[in-house]
């Protein structure tokens, strides 16, 4: 085998699984902690009365953070306002962030039909980019390096047959029966490296790879709904993330990379569980407050509607069949009087911020 050279397409990227056992004592120990934390997160998700609360609100944060890793930046305010009309009036970067949530929803819906494949990730990437994306052809090269000095840090495998062959191997690795491959979390960590190394698309690889992580956890039965996201962890440890990726490529250093991902899964599961518990507590407190202070307005459906995402508007209530327009307006104003919501003019209509929910999601 030739010595690794970052300037040459990495066509010799080894297939998965590696020839040697990567499930070391340290890896298995860390895997136990990550698995336990994931199981607790999976269990507490069932305690939220309406799963749409988690499927809508939390992925918006992941969309924002995952996009920031790729230098696609928007503000919380712009993002949540744009979500009110699915980005119809948003700026281009905010629209791109919102497409992340759309892509994630599509992937989740397909996984619920027991459809997990690399072809699904191509669909995910197409939604992310807002255009039909195919795997790189033989003539399509990707520059990965310093944009100023033009120093190359890594050159992924050639497009065309090389990429197709390596993606086929990756899919087979992910679909191995549980007793024929590494632990699912170890497998996810290895697959994340492999996907990044293959770099199958001209653009959108990082975000597609992070969506692949969550879809695989659901496919493996470790989660029921998409609520665990590593982007926050990766942003906080970005230099370590890229250093460890290079370590696998240059030195076959699987253990440090796998330990890093497993630690991230455990930390993120604990952090997300705390967010879910806080949302559940806020939901219950809001129900009690409305029952006591606004019994004529209160309904379980109304409270669920204002928790579905941090910003709300009259049409959300009318479309959900909770009330007609005039009554819906009165309901939201009453919730504002109670200090639950805060109104803001947006053109000719009012939108309502759920301040306490925003605080939980962004703290």
Protein backbone atom coordinates (compact mmCIF):
# COMPACT_ATOMS: atom_id res chain seq x y z
CA UNK A 1 0.00 0.00 0.00
CA UNK A 2 1.31 3.48 -0.90
CA UNK A 3 2.00 5.98 1.92
CA UNK A 4 -0.98 8.24 2.55
CA UNK A 5 -0.78 11.52 0.62
CA UNK A 6 -3.57 14.09 1.24
CA UNK A 7 -3.16 15.43 -2.31
CA UNK A 8 -4.03 12.10 -3.95
CA UNK A 9 -7.61 10.73 -4.04
CA UNK A 10 -7.93 8.25 -1.18
CA UNK A 11 -9.05 5.37 -3.36
CA UNK A 12 -7.39 2.94 -0.95
CA UNK A 13 -9.78 3.87 1.86
CA UNK A 14 -10.17 0.50 3.64
CA UNK A 15 -13.65 -1.07 3.70
CA UNK A 16 -15.62 -1.66 6.91
CA UNK A 17 -15.26 -3.44 9.21
CA UNK A 18 -11.49 -3.10 9.75
CA UNK A 19 -9.39 -6.24 9.74
CA UNK A 20 -8.65 -5.84 13.45
CA UNK A 21 -11.04 -5.71 16.40
CA UNK A 22 -11.78 -2.10 17.40
CA UNK A 23 -13.99 -2.97 20.37
CA UNK A 24 -11.25 -2.52 22.95
CA UNK A 25 -11.81 -2.61 26.70
CA UNK A 26 -11.95 1.21 26.79
CA UNK A 27 -14.41 1.31 23.90
CA UNK A 28 -16.75 -1.25 25.45
CA UNK A 29 -16.67 0.58 28.80
CA UNK A 30 -17.56 3.91 27.17
CA UNK A 31 -20.18 2.15 25.06
CA UNK A 32 -22.01 1.00 28.19
CA UNK A 33 -22.35 4.56 29.46
CA UNK A 34 -23.54 5.85 26.09
CA UNK A 35 -26.06 3.02 25.72
CA UNK A 36 -27.44 3.63 29.21
CA UNK A 37 -27.84 7.37 28.58
CA UNK A 38 -29.58 6.70 25.24
CA UNK A 39 -31.97 4.24 26.87
CA UNK A 40 -32.95 6.84 29.48
CA UNK A 41 -33.53 9.43 26.76
CA UNK A 42 -35.62 6.98 24.75
CA UNK A 43 -37.75 6.24 27.81
CA UNK A 44 -38.39 9.83 28.84
CA UNK A 45 -39.48 10.78 25.32
CA UNK A 46 -42.58 8.64 25.84
CA UNK A 47 -43.62 10.90 28.73
CA UNK A 48 -44.22 13.90 26.44
CA UNK A 49 -47.95 13.87 25.64
CA UNK A 50 -47.53 14.89 22.02
CA UNK A 51 -44.40 13.68 20.20
CA UNK A 52 -44.76 16.54 17.68
CA UNK A 53 -43.43 18.81 20.42
CA UNK A 54 -40.09 17.02 20.26
CA UNK A 55 -40.08 16.33 16.52
CA UNK A 56 -40.70 20.01 15.64
CA UNK A 57 -38.97 22.07 18.31
CA UNK A 58 -35.71 20.25 19.07
CA UNK A 59 -34.72 19.57 15.43
CA UNK A 60 -34.78 23.31 14.72
CA UNK A 61 -31.88 23.68 17.15
CA UNK A 62 -30.01 20.83 15.49
CA UNK A 63 -30.68 22.37 12.07
CA UNK A 64 -29.13 25.63 13.24
CA UNK A 65 -26.08 24.08 14.90
CA UNK A 66 -25.38 21.50 12.19
CA UNK A 67 -25.51 24.25 9.58
CA UNK A 68 -23.16 26.45 11.63
CA UNK A 69 -20.50 23.74 11.38
CA UNK A 70 -20.62 24.37 7.61
CA UNK A 71 -20.60 28.18 8.12
CA UNK A 72 -24.29 28.52 7.23
CA UNK A 73 -25.41 30.93 9.92
CA UNK A 74 -28.77 32.34 10.94
CA UNK A 75 -30.13 33.78 14.19
CA UNK A 76 -32.57 32.08 16.52
CA UNK A 77 -35.13 34.79 15.85
CA UNK A 78 -34.84 34.54 12.05
CA UNK A 79 -35.05 30.76 12.19
CA UNK A 80 -38.15 30.52 14.36
CA UNK A 81 -39.93 33.27 12.46
CA UNK A 82 -39.12 31.53 9.19
CA UNK A 83 -40.51 28.25 10.57
CA UNK A 84 -43.91 29.93 10.87
CA UNK A 85 -44.36 29.75 7.09
CA UNK A 86 -41.74 27.10 6.27
CA UNK A 87 -39.28 29.70 5.03
CA UNK A 88 -41.49 31.36 2.41
CA UNK A 89 -40.18 34.83 3.32
CA UNK A 90 -36.78 33.92 4.78
CA UNK A 91 -33.30 34.87 3.58
CA UNK A 92 -31.32 32.19 1.67
CA UNK A 93 -29.23 31.00 4.64
CA UNK A 94 -32.27 30.65 6.90
CA UNK A 95 -34.08 28.72 4.15
CA UNK A 96 -31.11 26.38 3.92
CA UNK A 97 -31.18 25.78 7.67
CA UNK A 98 -34.91 25.05 7.53
CA UNK A 99 -34.33 22.52 4.75
CA UNK A 100 -32.23 20.56 7.25
CA UNK A 101 -35.33 19.99 9.37
CA UNK A 102 -37.33 19.06 6.26
CA UNK A 103 -34.64 16.56 5.24
CA UNK A 104 -34.58 15.07 8.72
CA UNK A 105 -38.37 14.69 8.73
CA UNK A 106 -38.23 12.95 5.35
CA UNK A 107 -35.57 10.55 6.58
CA UNK A 108 -37.50 9.82 9.77
CA UNK A 109 -40.71 9.13 7.85
CA UNK A 110 -38.90 6.71 5.55
CA UNK A 111 -37.21 4.93 8.46
CA UNK A 112 -40.66 4.40 9.99
CA UNK A 113 -41.44 2.44 6.80
CA UNK A 114 -38.34 0.31 7.49
CA UNK A 115 -36.51 1.92 4.61
CA UNK A 116 -32.88 2.50 5.55
CA UNK A 117 -30.33 2.77 2.75
CA UNK A 118 -27.62 4.92 1.27
CA UNK A 119 -30.16 5.84 -1.41
CA UNK A 120 -32.21 7.48 1.34
CA UNK A 121 -29.21 9.63 2.25
CA UNK A 122 -29.05 10.81 -1.37
CA UNK A 123 -32.68 11.94 -1.01
CA UNK A 124 -31.79 13.66 2.28
CA UNK A 125 -28.90 15.52 0.64
CA UNK A 126 -31.14 16.58 -2.26
CA UNK A 127 -33.61 18.14 0.18
CA UNK A 128 -30.78 19.82 2.09
CA UNK A 129 -29.36 21.39 -1.06
CA UNK A 130 -32.72 22.18 -2.65
CA UNK A 131 -31.65 20.35 -5.84
CA UNK A 132 -31.36 16.80 -7.10
CA UNK A 133 -28.01 15.55 -5.77
CA UNK A 134 -26.28 12.49 -7.10
CA UNK A 135 -23.10 10.81 -5.96
CA UNK A 136 -19.92 12.32 -7.39
CA UNK A 137 -19.01 11.29 -10.92
CA UNK A 138 -15.51 10.40 -12.08
CA UNK A 139 -14.88 13.99 -13.21
CA UNK A 140 -16.14 15.68 -10.02
CA UNK A 141 -13.40 16.46 -7.52
CA UNK A 142 -13.70 18.08 -4.10
CA UNK A 143 -11.19 20.48 -2.53
CA UNK A 144 -10.80 20.03 1.23
CA UNK A 145 -8.21 22.35 2.70
CA UNK A 146 -7.28 25.92 3.51
CA UNK A 147 -9.21 28.21 1.12
CA UNK A 148 -6.58 30.97 1.45
CA UNK A 149 -3.30 29.05 1.18
CA UNK A 150 -4.92 26.29 -0.93
CA UNK A 151 -3.08 23.71 1.15
CA UNK A 152 -4.87 20.37 0.71
CA UNK A 153 -5.82 18.59 3.95
CA UNK A 154 -7.60 15.62 2.41
CA UNK A 155 -8.66 14.35 -1.00
CA UNK A 156 -11.62 11.92 -0.93
CA UNK A 157 -11.81 8.86 -3.19
CA UNK A 158 -12.37 9.39 -6.90
CA UNK A 159 -15.98 9.76 -7.98
CA UNK A 160 -17.90 7.26 -10.05
CA UNK A 161 -17.19 3.57 -9.46
CA UNK A 162 -14.86 4.14 -6.48
CA UNK A 163 -17.50 6.08 -4.55
CA UNK A 164 -20.27 3.63 -5.47
CA UNK A 165 -18.21 0.66 -4.33
CA UNK A 166 -17.37 2.26 -0.99
CA UNK A 167 -20.97 3.35 -0.38
CA UNK A 168 -22.18 -0.20 -1.10
CA UNK A 169 -19.72 -1.48 1.51
CA UNK A 170 -20.87 1.16 4.01
CA UNK A 171 -24.52 0.20 3.53
CA UNK A 172 -23.74 -3.51 3.96
CA UNK A 173 -21.80 -2.72 7.15
CA UNK A 174 -24.70 -0.74 8.62
CA UNK A 175 -27.22 -3.44 7.74
CA UNK A 176 -25.24 -6.36 9.19
CA UNK A 177 -27.30 -8.33 11.75
CA UNK A 178 -26.53 -7.25 15.29
CA UNK A 179 -24.60 -10.40 16.14
CA UNK A 180 -22.36 -10.10 13.05
CA UNK A 181 -20.85 -6.69 13.61
CA UNK A 182 -19.74 -4.26 16.30
CA UNK A 183 -22.14 -2.72 18.83
CA UNK A 184 -24.57 -0.36 17.03
CA UNK A 185 -23.02 2.72 18.67
CA UNK A 186 -19.51 1.65 17.70
CA UNK A 187 -20.84 0.95 14.23
CA UNK A 188 -22.39 4.42 14.05
CA UNK A 189 -19.07 6.03 15.03
CA UNK A 190 -17.20 4.07 12.37
CA UNK A 191 -19.84 4.75 9.73
CA UNK A 192 -19.70 8.47 10.48
CA UNK A 193 -15.96 8.51 9.76
CA UNK A 194 -16.41 6.39 6.64
CA UNK A 195 -19.15 8.60 5.20
CA UNK A 196 -17.05 11.72 5.77
CA UNK A 197 -14.02 10.01 4.21
CA UNK A 198 -15.97 8.87 1.14
CA UNK A 199 -17.43 12.39 0.78
CA UNK A 200 -19.96 11.15 -1.80
CA UNK A 201 -21.48 14.52 -2.74
CA UNK A 202 -20.05 17.72 -4.14
CA UNK A 203 -21.68 19.58 -1.23
CA UNK A 204 -23.80 18.78 1.82
CA UNK A 205 -21.73 15.83 3.08
CA UNK A 206 -21.32 17.03 6.67
CA UNK A 207 -25.00 17.67 7.27
CA UNK A 208 -26.04 14.50 5.42
CA UNK A 209 -23.63 12.50 7.56
CA UNK A 210 -25.04 13.93 10.78
CA UNK A 211 -28.58 13.08 9.67
CA UNK A 212 -27.33 9.57 8.84
CA UNK A 213 -26.24 9.26 12.49
CA UNK A 214 -29.70 9.91 13.91
CA UNK A 215 -31.47 7.79 11.29
CA UNK A 216 -29.20 4.86 12.09
CA UNK A 217 -29.94 5.16 15.82
CA UNK A 218 -33.67 4.97 15.04
CA UNK A 219 -33.19 2.12 12.56
CA UNK A 220 -31.25 0.23 15.28
CA UNK A 221 -34.05 0.71 17.81
CA UNK A 222 -31.92 2.83 20.14
CA UNK A 223 -34.29 5.77 19.74
CA UNK A 224 -37.91 6.07 18.66
CA UNK A 225 -37.92 9.65 17.42
CA UNK A 226 -35.17 12.01 16.19
CA UNK A 227 -34.14 13.87 19.34
CA UNK A 228 -30.40 13.20 19.76
CA UNK A 229 -28.03 15.46 17.86
CA UNK A 230 -24.25 15.67 18.08
CA UNK A 231 -23.82 19.08 16.41
CA UNK A 232 -23.70 20.98 19.70
CA UNK A 233 -20.96 18.62 20.93
CA UNK A 234 -19.04 18.84 17.65
CA UNK A 235 -19.12 22.65 17.64
CA UNK A 236 -17.72 22.73 21.20
CA UNK A 237 -14.95 20.28 20.26
CA UNK A 238 -14.48 21.16 16.59
CA UNK A 239 -10.67 21.04 16.50
CA UNK A 240 -10.64 17.66 18.26
CA UNK A 241 -13.31 16.36 15.85
CA UNK A 242 -11.20 17.12 12.78
CA UNK A 243 -7.94 15.99 14.42
CA UNK A 244 -9.43 12.59 15.27
CA UNK A 245 -10.92 12.18 11.79
CA UNK A 246 -7.42 12.75 10.38
CA UNK A 247 -6.04 10.28 12.93
CA UNK A 248 -8.13 7.47 11.48
CA UNK A 249 -7.11 8.39 7.93
CA UNK A 250 -3.41 8.87 8.55
CA UNK A 251 -2.68 6.41 11.38
CA UNK A 252 -5.63 3.98 11.52
CA UNK A 253 -6.34 5.38 15.01
CA UNK A 254 -9.86 4.04 15.49
CA UNK A 255 -10.00 3.91 19.28
CA UNK A 256 -9.62 7.67 20.01
CA UNK A 257 -12.21 8.48 17.34
CA UNK A 258 -14.73 5.92 18.58
CA UNK A 259 -14.25 7.02 22.21
CA UNK A 260 -14.81 10.64 21.15
CA UNK A 261 -18.10 9.82 19.42
CA UNK A 262 -19.30 7.57 22.27
CA UNK A 263 -18.54 10.30 24.80
CA UNK A 264 -20.45 12.75 22.61
CA UNK A 265 -23.45 10.41 22.45
CA UNK A 266 -23.49 10.03 26.24
CA UNK A 267 -23.08 13.75 26.96
CA UNK A 268 -25.64 14.74 24.35
CA UNK A 269 -28.16 12.15 25.54
CA UNK A 270 -27.88 13.44 29.12
CA UNK A 271 -28.19 17.07 27.96
CA UNK A 272 -31.18 16.28 25.73
CA UNK A 273 -32.88 14.28 28.49
CA UNK A 274 -32.61 17.36 30.73
CA UNK A 275 -34.20 19.48 27.97
CA UNK A 276 -37.03 16.96 27.51
CA UNK A 277 -37.65 16.84 31.26
CA UNK A 278 -37.73 20.64 31.38
CA UNK A 279 -40.20 20.78 28.46
CA UNK A 280 -42.40 18.21 30.18
CA UNK A 281 -42.31 20.18 33.43
CA UNK A 282 -43.13 23.42 31.64
CA UNK A 283 -45.99 21.73 29.79
CA UNK A 284 -47.50 20.44 33.03
CA UNK A 285 -47.11 23.83 34.76
CA UNK A 286 -48.75 25.55 31.78
CA UNK A 287 -51.70 23.15 31.88
CA UNK A 288 -52.22 23.85 35.60
CA UNK A 289 -51.95 27.62 35.14
CA UNK A 290 -54.45 27.70 32.28
CA UNK A 291 -56.91 25.44 34.04
CA UNK A 292 -56.84 27.73 37.06
CA UNK A 293 -56.55 31.18 35.47
CA UNK A 294 -58.21 30.72 32.09
CA UNK A 295 -60.60 27.74 32.24
CA UNK A 296 -62.75 29.08 29.38
CA UNK A 297 -59.72 29.12 27.09
CA UNK A 298 -57.96 25.98 28.25
CA UNK A 299 -57.82 22.82 26.19
CA UNK A 300 -55.12 20.18 25.92
CA UNK A 301 -54.97 20.81 22.17
CA UNK A 302 -54.31 24.53 22.71
CA UNK A 303 -51.38 23.87 25.05
CA UNK A 304 -49.93 21.31 22.65
CA UNK A 305 -50.20 23.83 19.81
CA UNK A 306 -48.13 26.46 21.62
CA UNK A 307 -45.48 23.84 22.46
CA UNK A 308 -45.18 22.48 18.90
CA UNK A 309 -42.61 25.18 18.15
CA UNK A 310 -41.45 28.32 19.96
CA UNK A 311 -43.39 30.80 17.78
CA UNK A 312 -47.11 30.56 17.16
CA UNK A 313 -49.73 32.41 15.11
CA UNK A 314 -53.49 32.41 14.73
CA UNK A 315 -53.52 30.13 11.69
CA UNK A 316 -51.82 27.36 13.68
CA UNK A 317 -54.90 27.17 15.90
CA UNK A 318 -57.40 27.41 13.07
CA UNK A 319 -55.59 24.77 10.97
CA UNK A 320 -55.50 22.44 13.99
CA UNK A 321 -59.28 22.83 14.36
CA UNK A 322 -58.92 24.34 17.84
CA UNK A 323 -60.89 27.51 17.11
CA UNK A 324 -62.06 29.82 14.36
CA UNK A 325 -59.96 32.90 13.65
CA UNK A 326 -61.61 35.38 16.03
CA UNK A 327 -61.63 32.91 18.93
CA UNK A 328 -58.07 31.80 18.17
CA UNK A 329 -56.95 35.43 18.43
CA UNK A 330 -58.65 35.77 21.80
CA UNK A 331 -57.06 32.54 23.04
CA UNK A 332 -53.55 33.72 22.18
CA UNK A 333 -54.16 37.14 23.74
CA UNK A 334 -55.35 35.44 26.92
CA UNK A 335 -52.18 33.34 27.02
CA UNK A 336 -50.21 36.54 26.61
CA UNK A 337 -52.11 38.10 29.53
CA UNK A 338 -51.03 35.13 31.65
CA UNK A 339 -47.39 35.74 30.71
CA UNK A 340 -47.07 32.52 28.73
CA UNK A 341 -46.72 34.16 25.33
CA UNK A 342 -45.39 37.51 24.11
CA UNK A 343 -46.77 39.06 20.95
CA UNK A 344 -44.83 40.80 18.22
CA UNK A 345 -46.01 42.41 15.00
CA UNK A 346 -44.84 40.80 11.79
CA UNK A 347 -46.22 42.76 8.91
CA UNK A 348 -50.00 42.82 9.30
CA UNK A 349 -50.23 39.86 11.67
CA UNK A 350 -49.16 39.14 15.22
CA UNK A 351 -46.87 36.29 16.11
CA UNK A 352 -46.50 34.93 19.63
CA UNK A 353 -43.24 33.89 21.23
CA UNK A 354 -43.25 31.15 23.84
CA UNK A 355 -40.48 32.65 25.96
CA UNK A 356 -40.07 29.86 28.51
CA UNK A 357 -39.89 27.21 25.78
CA UNK A 358 -37.33 29.30 23.90
CA UNK A 359 -35.25 29.52 27.05
CA UNK A 360 -35.23 25.74 27.50
CA UNK A 361 -34.27 25.11 23.88
CA UNK A 362 -31.48 27.67 23.70
CA UNK A 363 -29.91 27.67 27.17
